[in-house]
Amino acid sequence: MEVVDIIEVVYENGVLKPLKPLKLKEGQRLVVRVYEGDVVRKTEKFRKIIAPEKFSESPEEYLLKLREEKI
């Protein structure tokens, strides 16, 4: 599966609502994986240490892959 985007949402009245507009096509189906906390903010400190050009994926994708391997 390809990571299309990483977004923040808020859960209100039984619905996940994105905090920013999404670049998706109407009717597009997705698989959503829910994590507590903000993965992107947690990776910002690693951006200063890890240069993106050293990796084939973004720091967010790399950390998500590491997290999936531990599950």
PDB file of N, CA and C in Angstrom:
ATOM      1  N   MET A   1       0.828  -1.182   0.000  1.00  0.00           N
ATOM      2  CA  MET A   1       0.000   0.000   0.000  1.00  0.00           C
ATOM      3  C   MET A   1       0.873   1.245   0.000  1.00  0.00           C
ATOM      4  N   GLU A   2       0.460   2.215  -0.736  1.00  0.00           N
ATOM      5  CA  GLU A   2       1.194   3.480  -0.851  1.00  0.00           C
ATOM      6  C   GLU A   2       0.630   4.508   0.127  1.00  0.00           C
ATOM      7  N   VAL A   3       1.510   5.217   0.837  1.00  0.00           N
ATOM      8  CA  VAL A   3       1.074   6.301   1.724  1.00  0.00           C
ATOM      9  C   VAL A   3       0.740   7.497   0.847  1.00  0.00           C
ATOM     10  N   VAL A   4      -0.522   7.913   0.872  1.00  0.00           N
ATOM     11  CA  VAL A   4      -0.986   9.040   0.066  1.00  0.00           C
ATOM     12  C   VAL A   4      -0.747  10.344   0.808  1.00  0.00           C
ATOM     13  N   ASP A   5      -1.037  10.361   2.098  1.00  0.00           N
ATOM     14  CA  ASP A   5      -0.901  11.563   2.895  1.00  0.00           C
ATOM     15  C   ASP A   5      -0.983  11.185   4.365  1.00  0.00           C
ATOM     16  N   ILE A   6      -0.472  12.026   5.208  1.00  0.00           N
ATOM     17  CA  ILE A   6      -0.618  11.883   6.652  1.00  0.00           C
ATOM     18  C   ILE A   6      -1.315  13.137   7.118  1.00  0.00           C
ATOM     19  N   ILE A   7      -2.473  12.959   7.769  1.00  0.00           N
ATOM     20  CA  ILE A   7      -3.288  14.110   8.144  1.00  0.00           C
ATOM     21  C   ILE A   7      -3.643  14.049   9.629  1.00  0.00           C
ATOM     22  N   GLU A   8      -3.998  15.198  10.179  1.00  0.00           N
ATOM     23  CA  GLU A   8      -4.529  15.266  11.529  1.00  0.00           C
ATOM     24  C   GLU A   8      -6.043  15.356  11.427  1.00  0.00           C
ATOM     25  N   VAL A   9      -6.708  14.659  12.324  1.00  0.00           N
ATOM     26  CA  VAL A   9      -8.167  14.704  12.369  1.00  0.00           C
ATOM     27  C   VAL A   9      -8.606  14.897  13.802  1.00  0.00           C
ATOM     28  N   VAL A  10      -9.851  15.301  13.954  1.00  0.00           N
ATOM     29  CA  VAL A  10     -10.474  15.385  15.270  1.00  0.00           C
ATOM     30  C   VAL A  10     -11.717  14.493  15.215  1.00  0.00           C
ATOM     31  N   TYR A  11     -11.978  13.792  16.302  1.00  0.00           N
ATOM     32  CA  TYR A  11     -13.146  12.921  16.376  1.00  0.00           C
ATOM     33  C   TYR A  11     -14.270  13.668  17.068  1.00  0.00           C
ATOM     34  N   GLU A  12     -15.353  13.915  16.338  1.00  0.00           N
ATOM     35  CA  GLU A  12     -16.501  14.641  16.865  1.00  0.00           C
ATOM     36  C   GLU A  12     -17.791  13.962  16.446  1.00  0.00           C
ATOM     37  N   ASN A  13     -18.656  13.717  17.402  1.00  0.00           N
ATOM     38  CA  ASN A  13     -19.978  13.144  17.121  1.00  0.00           C
ATOM     39  C   ASN A  13     -19.907  11.890  16.257  1.00  0.00           C
ATOM     40  N   GLY A  14     -18.928  11.025  16.539  1.00  0.00           N
ATOM     41  CA  GLY A  14     -18.827   9.762  15.820  1.00  0.00           C
ATOM     42  C   GLY A  14     -18.193   9.850  14.448  1.00  0.00           C
ATOM     43  N   VAL A  15     -17.604  11.002  14.103  1.00  0.00           N
ATOM     44  CA  VAL A  15     -17.031  11.191  12.768  1.00  0.00           C
ATOM     45  C   VAL A  15     -15.610  11.735  12.886  1.00  0.00           C
ATOM     46  N   LEU A  16     -14.685  11.204  12.079  1.00  0.00           N
ATOM     47  CA  LEU A  16     -13.344  11.753  11.989  1.00  0.00           C
ATOM     48  C   LEU A  16     -13.374  12.915  11.005  1.00  0.00           C
ATOM     49  N   LYS A  17     -12.965  14.098  11.471  1.00  0.00           N
ATOM     50  CA  LYS A  17     -12.992  15.287  10.623  1.00  0.00           C
ATOM     51  C   LYS A  17     -11.568  15.787  10.422  1.00  0.00           C
ATOM     52  N   PRO A  18     -11.119  15.909   9.157  1.00  0.00           N
ATOM     53  CA  PRO A  18      -9.770  16.418   8.897  1.00  0.00           C
ATOM     54  C   PRO A  18      -9.653  17.884   9.307  1.00  0.00           C
ATOM     55  N   LEU A  19      -8.461  18.256   9.805  1.00  0.00           N
ATOM     56  CA  LEU A  19      -8.242  19.638  10.229  1.00  0.00           C
ATOM     57  C   LEU A  19      -7.879  20.545   9.058  1.00  0.00           C
ATOM     58  N   LYS A  20      -7.473  19.937   7.938  1.00  0.00           N
ATOM     59  CA  LYS A  20      -7.154  20.698   6.726  1.00  0.00           C
ATOM     60  C   LYS A  20      -7.854  20.033   5.545  1.00  0.00           C
ATOM     61  N   PRO A  21      -8.100  20.775   4.457  1.00  0.00           N
ATOM     62  CA  PRO A  21      -8.719  20.180   3.269  1.00  0.00           C
ATOM     63  C   PRO A  21      -7.873  19.031   2.728  1.00  0.00           C
ATOM     64  N   LEU A  22      -8.550  18.021   2.194  1.00  0.00           N
ATOM     65  CA  LEU A  22      -7.870  16.848   1.649  1.00  0.00           C
ATOM     66  C   LEU A  22      -7.806  16.921   0.127  1.00  0.00           C
ATOM     67  N   LYS A  23      -6.715  16.441  -0.432  1.00  0.00           N
ATOM     68  CA  LYS A  23      -6.563  16.392  -1.889  1.00  0.00           C
ATOM     69  C   LYS A  23      -6.960  15.000  -2.370  1.00  0.00           C
ATOM     70  N   LEU A  24      -8.257  14.722  -2.294  1.00  0.00           N
ATOM     71  CA  LEU A  24      -8.777  13.414  -2.680  1.00  0.00           C
ATOM     72  C   LEU A  24      -9.883  13.587  -3.709  1.00  0.00           C
ATOM     73  N   LYS A  25     -10.086  12.540  -4.490  1.00  0.00           N
ATOM     74  CA  LYS A  25     -11.177  12.542  -5.454  1.00  0.00           C
ATOM     75  C   LYS A  25     -12.462  12.135  -4.754  1.00  0.00           C
ATOM     76  N   GLU A  26     -13.571  12.696  -5.180  1.00  0.00           N
ATOM     77  CA  GLU A  26     -14.869  12.346  -4.628  1.00  0.00           C
ATOM     78  C   GLU A  26     -15.101  10.840  -4.801  1.00  0.00           C
ATOM     79  N   GLY A  27     -15.494  10.176  -3.742  1.00  0.00           N
ATOM     80  CA  GLY A  27     -15.776   8.743  -3.802  1.00  0.00           C
ATOM     81  C   GLY A  27     -14.534   7.863  -3.660  1.00  0.00           C
ATOM     82  N   GLN A  28     -13.354   8.467  -3.524  1.00  0.00           N
ATOM     83  CA  GLN A  28     -12.121   7.689  -3.392  1.00  0.00           C
ATOM     84  C   GLN A  28     -12.147   6.899  -2.092  1.00  0.00           C
ATOM     85  N   ARG A  29     -11.760   5.627  -2.170  1.00  0.00           N
ATOM     86  CA  ARG A  29     -11.721   4.769  -0.986  1.00  0.00           C
ATOM     87  C   ARG A  29     -10.308   4.727  -0.447  1.00  0.00           C
ATOM     88  N   LEU A  30     -10.201   4.738   0.891  1.00  0.00           N
ATOM     89  CA  LEU A  30      -8.910   4.730   1.553  1.00  0.00           C
ATOM     90  C   LEU A  30      -8.937   3.739   2.710  1.00  0.00           C
ATOM     91  N   VAL A  31      -7.770   3.360   3.168  1.00  0.00           N
ATOM     92  CA  VAL A  31      -7.635   2.599   4.401  1.00  0.00           C
ATOM     93  C   VAL A  31      -7.063   3.557   5.426  1.00  0.00           C
ATOM     94  N   VAL A  32      -7.701   3.657   6.574  1.00  0.00           N
ATOM     95  CA  VAL A  32      -7.281   4.593   7.603  1.00  0.00           C
ATOM     96  C   VAL A  32      -6.698   3.822   8.777  1.00  0.00           C
ATOM     97  N   ARG A  33      -5.536   4.230   9.198  1.00  0.00           N
ATOM     98  CA  ARG A  33      -4.891   3.646  10.368  1.00  0.00           C
ATOM     99  C   ARG A  33      -4.852   4.748  11.424  1.00  0.00           C
ATOM    100  N   VAL A  34      -5.364   4.482  12.613  1.00  0.00           N
ATOM    101  CA  VAL A  34      -5.501   5.499  13.640  1.00  0.00           C
ATOM    102  C   VAL A  34      -4.386   5.359  14.678  1.00  0.00           C
ATOM    103  N   TYR A  35      -3.683   6.470  14.912  1.00  0.00           N
ATOM    104  CA  TYR A  35      -2.641   6.539  15.931  1.00  0.00           C
ATOM    105  C   TYR A  35      -2.979   7.668  16.881  1.00  0.00           C
ATOM    106  N   GLU A  36      -2.736   7.450  18.157  1.00  0.00           N
ATOM    107  CA  GLU A  36      -2.926   8.523  19.127  1.00  0.00           C
ATOM    108  C   GLU A  36      -1.713   9.438  19.060  1.00  0.00           C
ATOM    109  N   GLY A  37      -1.932  10.718  18.997  1.00  0.00           N
ATOM    110  CA  GLY A  37      -0.834  11.664  18.896  1.00  0.00           C
ATOM    111  C   GLY A  37      -0.581  12.039  17.452  1.00  0.00           C
ATOM    112  N   ASP A  38       0.385  12.901  17.262  1.00  0.00           N
ATOM    113  CA  ASP A  38       0.688  13.417  15.939  1.00  0.00           C
ATOM    114  C   ASP A  38       2.035  12.887  15.472  1.00  0.00           C
ATOM    115  N   VAL A  39       2.021  11.937  14.546  1.00  0.00           N
ATOM    116  CA  VAL A  39       3.242  11.325  14.031  1.00  0.00           C
ATOM    117  C   VAL A  39       4.144  12.371  13.392  1.00  0.00           C
ATOM    118  N   VAL A  40       3.561  13.306  12.677  1.00  0.00           N
ATOM    119  CA  VAL A  40       4.359  14.315  11.979  1.00  0.00           C
ATOM    120  C   VAL A  40       5.130  15.173  12.982  1.00  0.00           C
ATOM    121  N   ARG A  41       4.485  15.642  14.040  1.00  0.00           N
ATOM    122  CA  ARG A  41       5.183  16.456  15.042  1.00  0.00           C
ATOM    123  C   ARG A  41       6.293  15.674  15.720  1.00  0.00           C
ATOM    124  N   LYS A  42       6.037  14.390  15.966  1.00  0.00           N
ATOM    125  CA  LYS A  42       7.051  13.566  16.607  1.00  0.00           C
ATOM    126  C   LYS A  42       8.272  13.383  15.714  1.00  0.00           C
ATOM    127  N   THR A  43       8.081  13.447  14.408  1.00  0.00           N
ATOM    128  CA  THR A  43       9.212  13.255  13.502  1.00  0.00           C
ATOM    129  C   THR A  43       9.979  14.550  13.219  1.00  0.00           C
ATOM    130  N   GLU A  44       9.412  15.692  13.582  1.00  0.00           N
ATOM    131  CA  GLU A  44      10.089  16.959  13.285  1.00  0.00           C
ATOM    132  C   GLU A  44      11.473  17.037  13.917  1.00  0.00           C
ATOM    133  N   LYS A  45      11.628  16.511  15.136  1.00  0.00           N
ATOM    134  CA  LYS A  45      12.947  16.545  15.772  1.00  0.00           C
ATOM    135  C   LYS A  45      13.936  15.652  15.020  1.00  0.00           C
ATOM    136  N   PHE A  46      13.436  14.574  14.403  1.00  0.00           N
ATOM    137  CA  PHE A  46      14.315  13.696  13.641  1.00  0.00           C
ATOM    138  C   PHE A  46      14.727  14.320  12.311  1.00  0.00           C
ATOM    139  N   ARG A  47      13.918  15.232  11.784  1.00  0.00           N
ATOM    140  CA  ARG A  47      14.261  15.907  10.526  1.00  0.00           C
ATOM    141  C   ARG A  47      15.571  16.679  10.653  1.00  0.00           C
ATOM    142  N   LYS A  48      15.841  17.187  11.841  1.00  0.00           N
ATOM    143  CA  LYS A  48      17.070  17.937  12.057  1.00  0.00           C
ATOM    144  C   LYS A  48      18.289  17.009  12.074  1.00  0.00           C
ATOM    145  N   ILE A  49      18.075  15.759  12.465  1.00  0.00           N
ATOM    146  CA  ILE A  49      19.162  14.779  12.571  1.00  0.00           C
ATOM    147  C   ILE A  49      19.304  13.979  11.283  1.00  0.00           C
ATOM    148  N   ILE A  50      18.162  13.541  10.756  1.00  0.00           N
ATOM    149  CA  ILE A  50      18.151  12.671   9.577  1.00  0.00           C
ATOM    150  C   ILE A  50      17.924  13.512   8.327  1.00  0.00           C
ATOM    151  N   ALA A  51      18.872  13.521   7.440  1.00  0.00           N
ATOM    152  CA  ALA A  51      18.725  14.261   6.183  1.00  0.00           C
ATOM    153  C   ALA A  51      17.853  13.439   5.230  1.00  0.00           C
ATOM    154  N   PRO A  52      16.758  14.011   4.720  1.00  0.00           N
ATOM    155  CA  PRO A  52      15.848  13.263   3.843  1.00  0.00           C
ATOM    156  C   PRO A  52      16.531  12.632   2.629  1.00  0.00           C
ATOM    157  N   GLU A  53      17.605  13.258   2.135  1.00  0.00           N
ATOM    158  CA  GLU A  53      18.251  12.699   0.942  1.00  0.00           C
ATOM    159  C   GLU A  53      18.933  11.365   1.215  1.00  0.00           C
ATOM    160  N   LYS A  54      19.076  10.990   2.494  1.00  0.00           N
ATOM    161  CA  LYS A  54      19.691   9.706   2.842  1.00  0.00           C
ATOM    162  C   LYS A  54      18.707   8.543   2.735  1.00  0.00           C
ATOM    163  N   PHE A  55      17.427   8.850   2.606  1.00  0.00           N
ATOM    164  CA  PHE A  55      16.404   7.820   2.600  1.00  0.00           C
ATOM    165  C   PHE A  55      15.556   7.899   1.337  1.00  0.00           C
ATOM    166  N   SER A  56      15.041   6.741   0.940  1.00  0.00           N
ATOM    167  CA  SER A  56      14.173   6.718  -0.236  1.00  0.00           C
ATOM    168  C   SER A  56      12.762   7.186   0.113  1.00  0.00           C
ATOM    169  N   GLU A  57      12.385   7.181   1.411  1.00  0.00           N
ATOM    170  CA  GLU A  57      11.066   7.641   1.824  1.00  0.00           C
ATOM    171  C   GLU A  57      11.208   8.824   2.775  1.00  0.00           C
ATOM    172  N   SER A  58      10.098   9.477   3.041  1.00  0.00           N
ATOM    173  CA  SER A  58      10.107  10.615   3.961  1.00  0.00           C
ATOM    174  C   SER A  58      10.314  10.109   5.384  1.00  0.00           C
ATOM    175  N   PRO A  59      10.742  10.983   6.304  1.00  0.00           N
ATOM    176  CA  PRO A  59      10.882  10.557   7.698  1.00  0.00           C
ATOM    177  C   PRO A  59       9.586   9.996   8.278  1.00  0.00           C
ATOM    178  N   GLU A  60       8.442  10.576   7.896  1.00  0.00           N
ATOM    179  CA  GLU A  60       7.156  10.078   8.392  1.00  0.00           C
ATOM    180  C   GLU A  60       6.916   8.648   7.933  1.00  0.00           C
ATOM    181  N   GLU A  61       7.151   8.382   6.643  1.00  0.00           N
ATOM    182  CA  GLU A  61       6.955   7.032   6.106  1.00  0.00           C
ATOM    183  C   GLU A  61       7.905   6.047   6.776  1.00  0.00           C
ATOM    184  N   TYR A  62       9.143   6.475   7.012  1.00  0.00           N
ATOM    185  CA  TYR A  62      10.133   5.612   7.656  1.00  0.00           C
ATOM    186  C   TYR A  62       9.679   5.242   9.072  1.00  0.00           C
ATOM    187  N   LEU A  63       9.216   6.222   9.851  1.00  0.00           N
ATOM    188  CA  LEU A  63       8.772   5.934  11.207  1.00  0.00           C
ATOM    189  C   LEU A  63       7.505   5.096  11.226  1.00  0.00           C
ATOM    190  N   LEU A  64       6.594   5.326  10.289  1.00  0.00           N
ATOM    191  CA  LEU A  64       5.399   4.493  10.202  1.00  0.00           C
ATOM    192  C   LEU A  64       5.761   3.043   9.900  1.00  0.00           C
ATOM    193  N   LYS A  65       6.748   2.852   9.006  1.00  0.00           N
ATOM    194  CA  LYS A  65       7.202   1.498   8.662  1.00  0.00           C
ATOM    195  C   LYS A  65       7.802   0.826   9.905  1.00  0.00           C
ATOM    196  N   LEU A  66       8.609   1.554  10.663  1.00  0.00           N
ATOM    197  CA  LEU A  66       9.189   0.996  11.887  1.00  0.00           C
ATOM    198  C   LEU A  66       8.106   0.598  12.877  1.00  0.00           C
ATOM    199  N   ARG A  67       7.094   1.454  13.006  1.00  0.00           N
ATOM    200  CA  ARG A  67       6.004   1.162  13.925  1.00  0.00           C
ATOM    201  C   ARG A  67       5.232  -0.079  13.495  1.00  0.00           C
ATOM    202  N   GLU A  68       4.991  -0.233  12.198  1.00  0.00           N
ATOM    203  CA  GLU A  68       4.260  -1.403  11.686  1.00  0.00           C
ATOM    204  C   GLU A  68       5.047  -2.681  11.929  1.00  0.00           C
ATOM    205  N   GLU A  69       6.374  -2.631  11.831  1.00  0.00           N
ATOM    206  CA  GLU A  69       7.196  -3.821  12.028  1.00  0.00           C
ATOM    207  C   GLU A  69       7.138  -4.320  13.461  1.00  0.00           C
ATOM    208  N   LYS A  70       6.875  -3.425  14.422  1.00  0.00           N
ATOM    209  CA  LYS A  70       6.807  -3.813  15.838  1.00  0.00           C
ATOM    210  C   LYS A  70       5.473  -4.415  16.214  1.00  0.00           C
ATOM    211  N   ILE A  71       4.447  -4.211  15.373  1.00  0.00           N
ATOM    212  CA  ILE A  71       3.098  -4.698  15.675  1.00  0.00           C
ATOM    213  C   ILE A  71       3.004  -6.178  15.404  1.00  0.00           C
TER     214      ILE A  71
END
